[in-house]
Amino acid sequence: MNRKVTVVGGAGNVGATVARAVSQKELADVVIVDIAASKAAGVALDIYQSCAIGGSASRVTGVGVEGFAETANSDVVVITSGMPRKPGMSRDDLLNVNYKIMQDVTAEIVKHSPNCIIVPVANPLDAMSQAVFRLSGFPRERVMGMAGVLDSARMRTFVAEELKVSVADVTCFVLGGHGDTMVPLPRLSTVAGIPLPELIPADRLQAICDRTANGGAEITKLVGTSAWYAPGVSAADMVEAILKDQQRIMPCSVYLQGEYGINNLFVGVPVKVGARGIEQIIEVALTEAERAALHKSAGAVKELVDVIGI
């Protein structure tokens, strides 16, 4: 293997899921970095041994943050590190704590892998992606947040469940920030090419859109913590598109410079993903209501960005 993917925060649930998916698909060798050095080594060893069972030749290693040099010359770095919101912690407190983590992590990434593509997964996703972009000094093509892949997967699941059809035939379109202001677009979502409004009554469609926007909160309520399987696999899907130069159309949080009438802000939109990262930002015609909803979502992202001054 001559490709390398680093997962920062890889001893956590999301990071370990990313590392497992990348290595079991034999996409690259994987380095797990975590503040918990012993756990990072143990999780990596467990995943490495599972590769032998699946027939993957990927090598998986785990190090503490003091061993960041092991990540040198990574092709892709996925950032899953970040603190969840705790009781008594304000939104601003959480933002500032995670921004400090992004500062530390990004400095190490730039030092050891100056030519990599960065995929932030840490929350609040769009604000943390913007932080990494500013801190890294990378061109916008090489920083792309994982959000829309997860959000659209949730919507696809709910649509397939509603219609009792294969999820493989469902394509869903979700724009905006990664939060309850995201903008699912049934008009541009289909089942085997048939638009959703022709298949599902309006009230049921709205219920699916609402459930999609609150998909993370639903799992947190059930499990007591944030989701990890779907987010981890979503990030690995992006990694695969990059490493294989697949030129896939995927919804990602990217830095907009006038597209959709939004400037200097990370917001989720469809992009073409390949070896250079963002190969193209794709603009689609929106109705006035859809455009207004997208701008409202962007406004919610800007509020977060303004708190940390980036």
Protein backbone atom coordinates (compact mmCIF):
# COMPACT_ATOMS: atom_id res chain seq x y z
CA MET A 1 0.00 0.00 0.00
CA ASN A 2 1.35 3.41 -0.88
CA ARG A 3 -1.73 5.47 -0.05
CA LYS A 4 -2.20 6.78 3.48
CA VAL A 5 -5.26 8.04 5.31
CA THR A 6 -5.02 9.59 8.76
CA VAL A 7 -7.98 9.67 11.11
CA VAL A 8 -7.59 12.25 13.88
CA GLY A 9 -9.67 11.31 16.89
CA GLY A 10 -9.65 7.80 15.51
CA ALA A 11 -10.03 6.05 18.86
CA GLY A 12 -13.54 7.46 19.20
CA ASN A 13 -16.64 5.82 17.76
CA VAL A 14 -16.84 7.87 14.56
CA GLY A 15 -13.11 7.82 13.92
CA ALA A 16 -12.81 4.08 14.48
CA THR A 17 -15.69 3.50 12.05
CA VAL A 18 -13.90 5.60 9.41
CA ALA A 19 -10.64 3.73 9.96
CA ARG A 20 -12.36 0.35 9.80
CA ALA A 21 -14.24 1.16 6.59
CA VAL A 22 -11.17 2.56 4.82
CA SER A 23 -8.92 -0.33 5.79
CA GLN A 24 -11.42 -3.12 5.15
CA LYS A 25 -12.06 -1.75 1.67
CA GLU A 26 -8.27 -1.76 1.22
CA LEU A 27 -8.35 1.88 0.12
CA ALA A 28 -5.15 2.83 1.95
CA ASP A 29 -2.99 2.26 4.99
CA VAL A 30 -4.52 4.01 8.00
CA VAL A 31 -2.98 5.93 10.88
CA ILE A 32 -5.21 6.55 13.89
CA VAL A 33 -4.21 9.55 16.01
CA ASP A 34 -5.85 10.25 19.33
CA ILE A 35 -5.13 12.06 22.58
CA ALA A 36 -5.71 8.66 24.21
CA ALA A 37 -2.53 7.04 22.88
CA SER A 38 -3.03 3.59 24.39
CA LYS A 39 -6.60 3.38 23.16
CA ALA A 40 -5.49 4.51 19.68
CA ALA A 41 -2.94 1.70 19.57
CA GLY A 42 -5.48 -0.85 20.76
CA VAL A 43 -8.25 0.20 18.38
CA ALA A 44 -5.78 0.18 15.49
CA LEU A 45 -4.53 -3.29 16.38
CA ASP A 46 -8.07 -4.63 16.58
CA ILE A 47 -8.98 -3.17 13.18
CA TYR A 48 -5.68 -4.41 11.69
CA GLN A 49 -6.43 -7.96 12.84
CA SER A 50 -9.92 -7.74 11.34
CA CYS A 51 -8.33 -6.89 7.97
CA ALA A 52 -6.67 -10.31 7.98
CA ILE A 53 -10.09 -11.94 8.23
CA GLY A 54 -11.49 -9.84 5.40
CA GLY A 55 -8.46 -10.30 3.17
CA SER A 56 -7.37 -6.66 3.19
CA ALA A 57 -3.64 -5.85 3.03
CA SER A 58 -4.12 -2.40 4.57
CA ARG A 59 -1.86 -1.65 7.51
CA VAL A 60 -3.42 0.10 10.51
CA THR A 61 -1.40 1.81 13.23
CA GLY A 62 -2.38 3.94 16.20
CA VAL A 63 -0.44 6.70 17.94
CA GLY A 64 -0.94 9.47 20.45
CA VAL A 65 -0.80 13.12 19.45
CA GLU A 66 2.93 13.13 20.22
CA GLY A 67 3.35 10.63 17.39
CA PHE A 68 1.82 12.83 14.67
CA ALA A 69 4.97 12.36 12.56
CA GLU A 70 3.65 8.87 11.74
CA THR A 71 0.97 10.56 9.61
CA ALA A 72 3.51 12.22 7.29
CA ASN A 73 2.52 12.49 3.64
CA SER A 74 -1.06 11.38 4.13
CA ASP A 75 -3.26 11.63 1.05
CA VAL A 76 -6.40 12.35 3.07
CA VAL A 77 -6.85 13.39 6.70
CA VAL A 78 -10.25 12.93 8.34
CA ILE A 79 -10.81 15.00 11.51
CA THR A 80 -13.30 13.43 13.89
CA SER A 81 -11.91 14.89 17.11
CA GLY A 82 -14.00 17.31 19.12
CA MET A 83 -15.84 17.58 22.40
CA PRO A 84 -19.58 16.89 22.65
CA ARG A 85 -21.71 19.49 24.39
CA LYS A 86 -21.95 18.80 28.13
CA PRO A 87 -24.60 19.88 30.65
CA GLY A 88 -24.14 23.53 31.59
CA MET A 89 -22.00 24.25 28.53
CA SER A 90 -23.24 27.00 26.27
CA ARG A 91 -23.10 26.81 22.49
CA ASP A 92 -20.36 29.45 22.51
CA ASP A 93 -18.34 27.45 25.05
CA LEU A 94 -18.54 24.36 22.84
CA LEU A 95 -17.56 26.32 19.76
CA ASN A 96 -14.50 27.80 21.43
CA VAL A 97 -13.37 24.45 22.88
CA ASN A 98 -13.63 22.70 19.52
CA TYR A 99 -12.06 25.63 17.70
CA LYS A 100 -9.00 25.26 19.93
CA ILE A 101 -8.88 21.56 19.05
CA MET A 102 -9.04 22.45 15.33
CA GLN A 103 -6.17 24.90 15.81
CA ASP A 104 -3.93 22.26 17.35
CA VAL A 105 -4.89 19.50 14.90
CA THR A 106 -4.69 21.62 11.76
CA ALA A 107 -1.20 22.87 12.64
CA GLU A 108 0.03 19.26 12.85
CA ILE A 109 -1.70 18.28 9.61
CA VAL A 110 -0.17 21.16 7.66
CA LYS A 111 3.25 20.42 9.15
CA HIS A 112 3.28 16.73 8.23
CA SER A 113 0.96 16.47 5.20
CA PRO A 114 0.97 19.83 3.39
CA ASN A 115 -0.49 18.35 0.20
CA CYS A 116 -3.34 16.35 1.69
CA ILE A 117 -7.10 16.78 1.38
CA ILE A 118 -8.85 17.39 4.71
CA VAL A 119 -12.30 16.05 5.52
CA PRO A 120 -13.60 17.60 8.77
CA VAL A 121 -16.33 15.68 10.59
CA ALA A 122 -16.16 17.47 13.96
CA ASN A 123 -19.21 19.47 15.04
CA PRO A 124 -20.56 22.03 14.57
CA LEU A 125 -19.55 20.78 11.14
CA ASP A 126 -19.77 23.82 8.89
CA ALA A 127 -18.10 26.17 11.38
CA MET A 128 -15.31 23.68 12.11
CA SER A 129 -14.76 23.16 8.38
CA GLN A 130 -14.40 26.91 7.96
CA ALA A 131 -11.95 26.99 10.86
CA VAL A 132 -9.81 24.24 9.31
CA PHE A 133 -9.90 26.01 5.94
CA ARG A 134 -8.74 29.31 7.42
CA LEU A 135 -6.13 27.74 9.69
CA SER A 136 -4.65 25.47 7.03
CA GLY A 137 -4.30 28.06 4.29
CA PHE A 138 -5.21 25.29 1.84
CA PRO A 139 -7.13 26.09 -1.35
CA ARG A 140 -10.84 25.54 -0.97
CA GLU A 141 -10.70 22.46 -3.17
CA ARG A 142 -8.80 20.59 -0.44
CA VAL A 143 -11.12 21.14 2.55
CA MET A 144 -14.56 19.52 2.36
CA GLY A 145 -16.80 18.83 5.32
CA MET A 146 -18.75 15.60 5.71
CA ALA A 147 -22.41 16.38 6.31
CA GLY A 148 -24.59 16.09 3.24
CA VAL A 149 -23.58 12.50 2.51
CA LEU A 150 -24.91 11.57 5.95
CA ASP A 151 -28.01 13.77 5.73
CA SER A 152 -28.98 12.45 2.31
CA ALA A 153 -28.39 8.86 3.47
CA ARG A 154 -30.82 9.42 6.32
CA MET A 155 -33.42 10.86 3.96
CA ARG A 156 -32.91 7.99 1.51
CA THR A 157 -33.46 5.50 4.33
CA PHE A 158 -36.71 7.15 5.40
CA VAL A 159 -38.00 7.35 1.81
CA ALA A 160 -37.21 3.68 1.15
CA GLU A 161 -38.93 2.75 4.40
CA GLU A 162 -42.01 4.82 3.49
CA LEU A 163 -42.37 3.34 0.01
CA LYS A 164 -41.12 -0.18 0.81
CA VAL A 165 -38.58 0.01 -2.03
CA SER A 166 -34.86 -0.66 -2.31
CA VAL A 167 -32.77 2.21 -1.01
CA ALA A 168 -30.47 1.59 -3.99
CA ASP A 169 -33.13 3.19 -6.21
CA VAL A 170 -33.52 6.28 -4.01
CA THR A 171 -31.62 9.52 -4.62
CA CYS A 172 -32.12 12.41 -2.21
CA PHE A 173 -31.00 16.02 -2.36
CA VAL A 174 -30.13 17.91 0.82
CA LEU A 175 -28.60 21.40 0.96
CA GLY A 176 -27.55 23.80 3.70
CA GLY A 177 -25.83 23.66 7.04
CA HIS A 178 -25.55 20.46 9.04
CA GLY A 179 -28.27 21.08 11.60
CA ASP A 180 -31.99 21.55 12.00
CA THR A 181 -31.97 24.32 9.36
CA MET A 182 -30.76 21.97 6.62
CA VAL A 183 -32.82 21.99 3.43
CA PRO A 184 -34.03 18.60 2.14
CA LEU A 185 -35.38 19.06 -1.40
CA PRO A 186 -38.09 16.51 -2.31
CA ARG A 187 -38.60 18.20 -5.69
CA LEU A 188 -35.08 17.15 -6.72
CA SER A 189 -35.18 13.75 -5.01
CA THR A 190 -36.24 10.63 -6.88
CA VAL A 191 -36.96 6.92 -6.79
CA ALA A 192 -35.73 5.27 -10.00
CA GLY A 193 -35.95 8.70 -11.64
CA ILE A 194 -39.51 9.43 -10.44
CA PRO A 195 -39.72 12.67 -8.37
CA LEU A 196 -40.77 12.09 -4.77
CA PRO A 197 -43.81 14.44 -4.94
CA GLU A 198 -45.33 12.03 -7.47
CA LEU A 199 -44.97 9.10 -5.07
CA ILE A 200 -45.50 10.41 -1.56
CA PRO A 201 -48.28 12.71 -0.26
CA ALA A 202 -47.17 16.19 0.77
CA ASP A 203 -47.77 15.67 4.48
CA ARG A 204 -45.74 12.46 4.53
CA LEU A 205 -42.96 14.14 2.55
CA GLN A 206 -42.82 16.96 5.07
CA ALA A 207 -42.62 14.44 7.89
CA ILE A 208 -39.67 12.75 6.16
CA CYS A 209 -37.92 16.10 5.68
CA ASP A 210 -38.45 16.99 9.34
CA ARG A 211 -37.15 13.61 10.47
CA THR A 212 -34.09 14.04 8.24
CA ALA A 213 -33.30 17.46 9.72
CA ASN A 214 -33.55 16.00 13.22
CA GLY A 215 -31.88 12.69 12.38
CA GLY A 216 -28.92 13.20 14.68
CA ALA A 217 -31.08 14.27 17.61
CA GLU A 218 -33.29 11.20 17.17
CA ILE A 219 -30.33 8.86 17.55
CA THR A 220 -28.89 10.82 20.47
CA LYS A 221 -32.21 10.51 22.28
CA LEU A 222 -32.28 6.75 21.69
CA VAL A 223 -28.63 5.95 22.38
CA GLY A 224 -27.57 8.73 24.72
CA THR A 225 -24.74 9.86 22.46
CA SER A 226 -24.17 10.97 18.88
CA ALA A 227 -24.40 8.56 15.96
CA TRP A 228 -21.21 6.95 14.69
CA TYR A 229 -21.83 4.18 12.15
CA ALA A 230 -23.54 6.28 9.47
CA PRO A 231 -21.28 9.34 9.97
CA GLY A 232 -18.15 7.17 9.86
CA VAL A 233 -19.16 5.31 6.72
CA SER A 234 -20.20 8.61 5.10
CA ALA A 235 -16.71 10.03 5.64
CA ALA A 236 -15.15 6.83 4.30
CA ASP A 237 -17.36 7.15 1.20
CA MET A 238 -15.84 10.57 0.56
CA VAL A 239 -12.34 9.19 1.09
CA GLU A 240 -13.02 6.47 -1.47
CA ALA A 241 -14.25 9.01 -4.04
CA ILE A 242 -11.03 10.99 -3.58
CA LEU A 243 -8.56 8.10 -3.62
CA LYS A 244 -10.22 6.41 -6.61
CA ASP A 245 -10.79 9.69 -8.45
CA GLN A 246 -14.41 8.64 -8.93
CA GLN A 247 -15.75 12.06 -9.96
CA ARG A 248 -18.84 11.38 -7.87
CA ILE A 249 -21.54 13.95 -7.23
CA MET A 250 -21.82 14.21 -3.46
CA PRO A 251 -23.35 16.78 -1.10
CA CYS A 252 -20.50 18.27 0.95
CA SER A 253 -19.91 21.35 3.08
CA VAL A 254 -17.65 23.58 0.98
CA TYR A 255 -16.48 27.18 0.91
CA LEU A 256 -18.78 29.18 -1.31
CA GLN A 257 -17.61 32.29 -3.13
CA GLY A 258 -20.77 33.52 -4.79
CA GLU A 259 -22.34 30.19 -5.66
CA TYR A 260 -26.03 30.13 -4.71
CA GLY A 261 -25.63 33.81 -3.77
CA ILE A 262 -23.56 32.89 -0.68
CA ASN A 263 -20.11 34.33 -0.04
CA ASN A 264 -17.19 33.31 2.17
CA LEU A 265 -19.02 30.59 4.06
CA PHE A 266 -19.04 26.79 4.32
CA VAL A 267 -22.47 25.44 3.35
CA GLY A 268 -23.62 22.06 2.05
CA VAL A 269 -24.10 21.87 -1.73
CA PRO A 270 -23.59 19.21 -4.42
CA VAL A 271 -20.01 18.93 -5.63
CA LYS A 272 -18.02 16.65 -7.92
CA VAL A 273 -15.48 14.76 -5.79
CA GLY A 274 -12.26 13.36 -7.24
CA ALA A 275 -8.50 13.17 -6.81
CA ARG A 276 -8.14 16.93 -6.38
CA GLY A 277 -10.88 17.04 -3.76
CA ILE A 278 -13.57 19.40 -4.98
CA GLU A 279 -13.46 19.12 -8.75
CA GLN A 280 -16.55 21.28 -9.33
CA ILE A 281 -19.26 23.02 -7.32
CA ILE A 282 -22.58 22.29 -8.99
CA GLU A 283 -25.29 24.94 -8.98
CA VAL A 284 -28.89 23.93 -9.56
CA ALA A 285 -31.86 26.22 -10.13
CA LEU A 286 -33.89 26.64 -6.95
CA THR A 287 -37.36 27.98 -6.40
CA GLU A 288 -37.71 31.19 -4.42
CA ALA A 289 -38.81 29.24 -1.35
CA GLU A 290 -35.89 26.79 -1.63
CA ARG A 291 -33.40 29.60 -2.09
CA ALA A 292 -34.81 31.44 0.93
CA ALA A 293 -34.51 28.28 3.04
CA LEU A 294 -30.92 27.79 1.91
CA HIS A 295 -30.02 31.37 2.81
CA LYS A 296 -31.71 30.97 6.19
CA SER A 297 -29.57 27.88 6.80
CA ALA A 298 -26.45 29.76 5.72
CA GLY A 299 -27.37 32.50 8.18
CA ALA A 300 -27.42 29.96 11.00
CA VAL A 301 -23.93 28.83 9.97
CA LYS A 302 -22.70 32.43 9.90
CA GLU A 303 -23.88 32.97 13.47
CA LEU A 304 -21.60 30.13 14.57
CA VAL A 305 -18.69 31.33 12.45
CA ASP A 306 -18.98 34.83 13.89
CA VAL A 307 -18.64 33.50 17.45
CA ILE A 308 -15.10 32.29 16.76
CA GLY A 309 -14.25 35.15 14.42
CA ILE A 310 -13.36 33.19 11.29
